[in-house]
Amino acid sequence: MAKQQQTSSYSSGGNIIPTPEEAATFQPQVVAEDGVTPWDQGRATPLILHLLDTSSLPFGRTLVPGCGGGHDVVAMANPERFVVGLDISEKALKKANETYGSAPNAKNFAFVKEDVFTWRPDELFDLIFDYVFFCAIELELRPAWAKSMYELLKPEGELITLMYPITDHVGGAPYKVSVSAYEDVLVPLGFKAVSIEENQDFIPTRKGKEMLARWKKIN
């Protein structure tokens, strides 16, 4: 079951994972096999656009796990920030490459078909952005997620987590999250929360259900 859930939910970066109510109408295996992403907003996450507009994103090698359609990957990519979009869905990556393969900044990003839980590249990352990856995996995989974030980041690297959905619903995916759910798996490994605040650059249906946290790998 865990493997099936992983397969169905990695294709989420740059997409809007459904609300718990919406999720009940989707069949995960269909999403995984057919590349159906009915919640794909077709553009970069508003928070990412805001961080770019305010020059609040670090430069350097960047990772977006579960990149899906690749919108955040392409938005962040520039000559000073090479971005890797990671996904296990071949169809999602094919679509991303078809959409953005000829983008003006194409030489500044790459889409890679790998599993974030096992993939360990030769070069580590300065920045990782996780929006709807954490909430899509089963609860017992959260410590493994944190371990992967730690092992993929350079010393002093930054992990940005846009925490969603902060609700009281039961089941998933998406599974409910909380600040403490992230703290419980990240802090013991050597992450320090630099800032945690309510996300002000939200999609209307996400208002009050998201927190933005920026973490530093300190050891």
Protein backbone atom coordinates (compact mmCIF):
# COMPACT_ATOMS: atom_id res chain seq x y z
CA MET A 1 0.00 0.00 0.00
CA ALA A 2 2.80 2.42 0.86
CA LYS A 3 4.40 1.95 -2.53
CA GLN A 4 1.11 2.59 -4.31
CA GLN A 5 0.55 5.73 -2.27
CA GLN A 6 4.04 7.00 -3.05
CA THR A 7 3.56 6.41 -6.73
CA SER A 8 0.30 8.30 -6.79
CA SER A 9 1.49 11.34 -4.90
CA TYR A 10 4.98 12.30 -5.99
CA SER A 11 3.68 14.26 -8.95
CA SER A 12 2.64 17.26 -6.96
CA GLY A 13 5.26 20.00 -7.02
CA GLY A 14 3.87 23.05 -8.78
CA ASN A 15 0.43 21.49 -8.68
CA ILE A 16 -2.31 22.11 -6.16
CA ILE A 17 -2.98 18.92 -4.29
CA PRO A 18 -6.73 18.53 -3.74
CA THR A 19 -8.52 19.49 -0.59
CA PRO A 20 -9.62 16.48 1.48
CA GLU A 21 -13.10 16.84 0.00
CA GLU A 22 -11.78 16.94 -3.56
CA ALA A 23 -9.43 14.05 -2.92
CA ALA A 24 -12.36 11.79 -2.14
CA THR A 25 -13.48 12.07 -5.77
CA PHE A 26 -10.11 11.02 -7.25
CA GLN A 27 -8.65 7.56 -7.58
CA PRO A 28 -4.90 7.66 -6.84
CA GLN A 29 -4.09 4.73 -9.12
CA VAL A 30 -5.72 6.53 -12.04
CA VAL A 31 -3.69 9.65 -11.36
CA ALA A 32 -0.50 7.60 -11.28
CA GLU A 33 -1.18 5.47 -14.33
CA ASP A 34 -2.87 7.98 -16.59
CA GLY A 35 -1.05 11.13 -15.60
CA VAL A 36 -4.32 12.80 -14.61
CA THR A 37 -3.69 15.85 -12.44
CA PRO A 38 -7.07 17.59 -12.11
CA TRP A 39 -5.68 19.93 -9.43
CA ASP A 40 -2.75 21.20 -11.53
CA GLN A 41 -3.06 24.98 -11.46
CA GLY A 42 -0.91 25.31 -14.58
CA ARG A 43 1.42 27.92 -13.10
CA ALA A 44 3.96 28.41 -10.35
CA THR A 45 2.95 28.50 -6.70
CA PRO A 46 2.07 32.10 -5.68
CA LEU A 47 4.51 31.93 -2.77
CA ILE A 48 7.38 31.11 -5.12
CA LEU A 49 6.48 34.05 -7.36
CA HIS A 50 6.43 36.32 -4.31
CA LEU A 51 9.81 35.08 -3.07
CA LEU A 52 11.25 35.65 -6.51
CA ASP A 53 9.75 39.13 -6.79
CA THR A 54 11.21 40.09 -3.41
CA SER A 55 14.60 38.43 -4.03
CA SER A 56 13.99 36.18 -1.03
CA LEU A 57 15.10 32.89 -2.57
CA PRO A 58 18.71 31.73 -2.19
CA PHE A 59 20.76 31.12 -5.29
CA GLY A 60 22.55 27.84 -5.91
CA ARG A 61 21.58 24.31 -6.76
CA THR A 62 17.89 23.75 -5.97
CA LEU A 63 15.63 20.69 -5.70
CA VAL A 64 11.85 20.40 -6.05
CA PRO A 65 10.76 16.88 -5.03
CA GLY A 66 7.52 15.70 -6.59
CA CYS A 67 7.78 18.40 -9.24
CA GLY A 68 4.82 17.21 -11.31
CA GLY A 69 4.20 19.66 -14.15
CA GLY A 70 7.40 21.51 -13.33
CA HIS A 71 5.94 24.99 -12.95
CA ASP A 72 7.89 25.87 -9.80
CA VAL A 73 11.06 24.40 -11.28
CA VAL A 74 10.95 26.63 -14.33
CA ALA A 75 9.89 29.71 -12.38
CA MET A 76 12.89 29.45 -10.06
CA ALA A 77 15.51 28.53 -12.65
CA ASN A 78 18.06 31.11 -13.74
CA PRO A 79 21.82 31.26 -14.40
CA GLU A 80 22.47 31.60 -10.66
CA ARG A 81 19.99 28.94 -9.56
CA PHE A 82 20.04 25.57 -11.32
CA VAL A 83 16.87 23.68 -10.42
CA VAL A 84 16.27 19.93 -10.50
CA GLY A 85 12.66 18.77 -10.66
CA LEU A 86 12.38 15.24 -9.27
CA ASP A 87 9.48 12.90 -9.88
CA ILE A 88 8.83 9.18 -10.23
CA SER A 89 6.02 9.68 -12.76
CA GLU A 90 7.30 9.25 -16.29
CA LYS A 91 4.13 10.78 -17.71
CA ALA A 92 4.36 13.84 -15.49
CA LEU A 93 7.96 14.42 -16.54
CA LYS A 94 7.15 13.87 -20.18
CA LYS A 95 4.47 16.55 -19.94
CA ALA A 96 6.84 18.89 -18.11
CA ASN A 97 9.50 18.45 -20.79
CA GLU A 98 6.96 18.96 -23.57
CA THR A 99 5.70 22.14 -21.90
CA TYR A 100 9.02 23.66 -20.92
CA GLY A 101 11.69 21.94 -23.01
CA SER A 102 12.04 25.01 -25.21
CA ALA A 103 11.76 27.59 -22.44
CA PRO A 104 14.31 30.44 -22.61
CA ASN A 105 15.86 29.24 -19.36
CA ALA A 106 15.84 25.53 -20.25
CA LYS A 107 19.58 25.20 -19.70
CA ASN A 108 19.06 26.21 -16.06
CA PHE A 109 16.82 23.31 -15.05
CA ALA A 110 16.43 19.57 -15.49
CA PHE A 111 13.69 17.04 -14.87
CA VAL A 112 14.88 13.77 -13.34
CA LYS A 113 12.96 10.52 -12.90
CA GLU A 114 14.10 9.25 -9.51
CA ASP A 115 12.73 8.38 -6.07
CA VAL A 116 13.63 11.02 -3.49
CA PHE A 117 13.83 8.35 -0.79
CA THR A 118 16.68 6.55 -2.53
CA TRP A 119 18.23 9.03 -4.99
CA ARG A 120 21.53 10.47 -3.87
CA PRO A 121 23.25 12.60 -6.55
CA ASP A 122 26.97 13.34 -6.55
CA GLU A 123 26.30 17.04 -5.95
CA LEU A 124 24.14 18.17 -3.04
CA PHE A 125 21.67 21.07 -2.98
CA ASP A 126 21.74 24.57 -1.52
CA LEU A 127 17.93 24.75 -1.40
CA ILE A 128 14.99 22.35 -1.36
CA PHE A 129 11.38 23.47 -1.78
CA ASP A 130 8.61 21.15 -0.56
CA TYR A 131 5.00 22.16 -0.94
CA VAL A 132 2.67 19.20 -1.26
CA PHE A 133 5.08 16.30 -1.02
CA PHE A 134 5.08 15.87 2.76
CA CYS A 135 1.29 15.75 2.98
CA ALA A 136 1.04 13.25 0.15
CA ILE A 137 3.16 10.49 1.66
CA GLU A 138 1.91 8.09 4.29
CA LEU A 139 2.60 9.08 7.88
CA GLU A 140 5.12 6.32 8.52
CA LEU A 141 7.28 7.68 5.69
CA ARG A 142 7.73 11.12 7.24
CA PRO A 143 10.95 10.24 9.12
CA ALA A 144 12.37 8.88 5.86
CA TRP A 145 11.35 12.11 4.12
CA ALA A 146 13.26 14.14 6.72
CA LYS A 147 16.30 11.89 6.35
CA SER A 148 16.24 12.44 2.59
CA MET A 149 15.98 16.21 2.99
CA TYR A 150 18.97 16.13 5.33
CA GLU A 151 21.08 13.92 3.09
CA LEU A 152 20.29 15.91 -0.07
CA LEU A 153 21.13 19.33 1.40
CA LYS A 154 24.59 20.83 1.72
CA PRO A 155 25.75 21.92 5.18
CA GLU A 156 24.00 25.23 5.97
CA GLY A 157 21.55 24.48 3.16
CA GLU A 158 17.94 25.68 3.36
CA LEU A 159 14.71 23.71 3.29
CA ILE A 160 11.55 25.68 2.55
CA THR A 161 8.35 23.89 3.50
CA LEU A 162 4.95 25.28 2.63
CA MET A 163 2.89 23.30 5.12
CA TYR A 164 -0.52 22.19 3.87
CA PRO A 165 -3.18 21.17 4.80
CA ILE A 166 -3.27 22.37 8.40
CA THR A 167 -6.73 20.98 9.13
CA ASP A 168 -8.43 18.43 11.38
CA HIS A 169 -9.58 16.06 8.65
CA VAL A 170 -9.04 12.31 8.87
CA GLY A 171 -7.29 10.22 6.24
CA GLY A 172 -5.64 11.19 2.99
CA ALA A 173 -3.91 11.84 0.82
CA PRO A 174 -3.54 14.70 1.44
CA TYR A 175 -2.86 13.85 5.08
CA LYS A 176 -3.27 16.63 7.63
CA VAL A 177 -0.06 18.32 8.75
CA SER A 178 1.02 20.60 11.58
CA VAL A 179 4.09 22.56 12.53
CA SER A 180 4.90 19.95 15.16
CA ALA A 181 4.69 17.16 12.56
CA TYR A 182 7.60 18.79 10.72
CA GLU A 183 9.49 19.66 13.90
CA ASP A 184 9.25 16.09 15.17
CA VAL A 185 11.13 14.69 12.17
CA LEU A 186 13.41 17.59 11.21
CA VAL A 187 14.78 18.95 14.48
CA PRO A 188 16.31 15.65 15.71
CA LEU A 189 18.32 15.40 12.50
CA GLY A 190 19.88 18.84 12.83
CA PHE A 191 17.44 21.29 11.24
CA LYS A 192 16.70 24.62 12.88
CA ALA A 193 13.57 26.63 12.11
CA VAL A 194 14.69 30.10 11.00
CA SER A 195 11.11 31.34 10.59
CA ILE A 196 7.58 29.94 10.74
CA GLU A 197 4.65 32.12 9.72
CA GLU A 198 1.26 31.99 8.10
CA ASN A 199 1.48 32.00 4.33
CA GLN A 200 0.24 35.32 2.98
CA ASP A 201 0.58 34.34 -0.69
CA PHE A 202 -2.09 31.69 -0.79
CA ILE A 203 -4.56 30.35 -3.28
CA PRO A 204 -8.03 31.37 -2.03
CA THR A 205 -9.12 27.85 -1.07
CA ARG A 206 -5.96 27.44 1.03
CA LYS A 207 -6.44 30.54 3.21
CA GLY A 208 -5.75 29.75 6.84
CA LYS A 209 -4.58 26.23 6.02
CA GLU A 210 -0.92 26.91 5.18
CA MET A 211 2.19 27.84 7.13
CA LEU A 212 5.52 28.80 5.63
CA ALA A 213 8.63 27.50 7.37
CA ARG A 214 12.25 28.05 6.46
CA TRP A 215 14.73 25.58 7.95
CA LYS A 216 18.51 25.61 8.08
CA LYS A 217 20.62 22.45 8.16
CA ILE A 218 22.93 23.23 11.05
CA ASN A 219 24.91 20.00 11.48
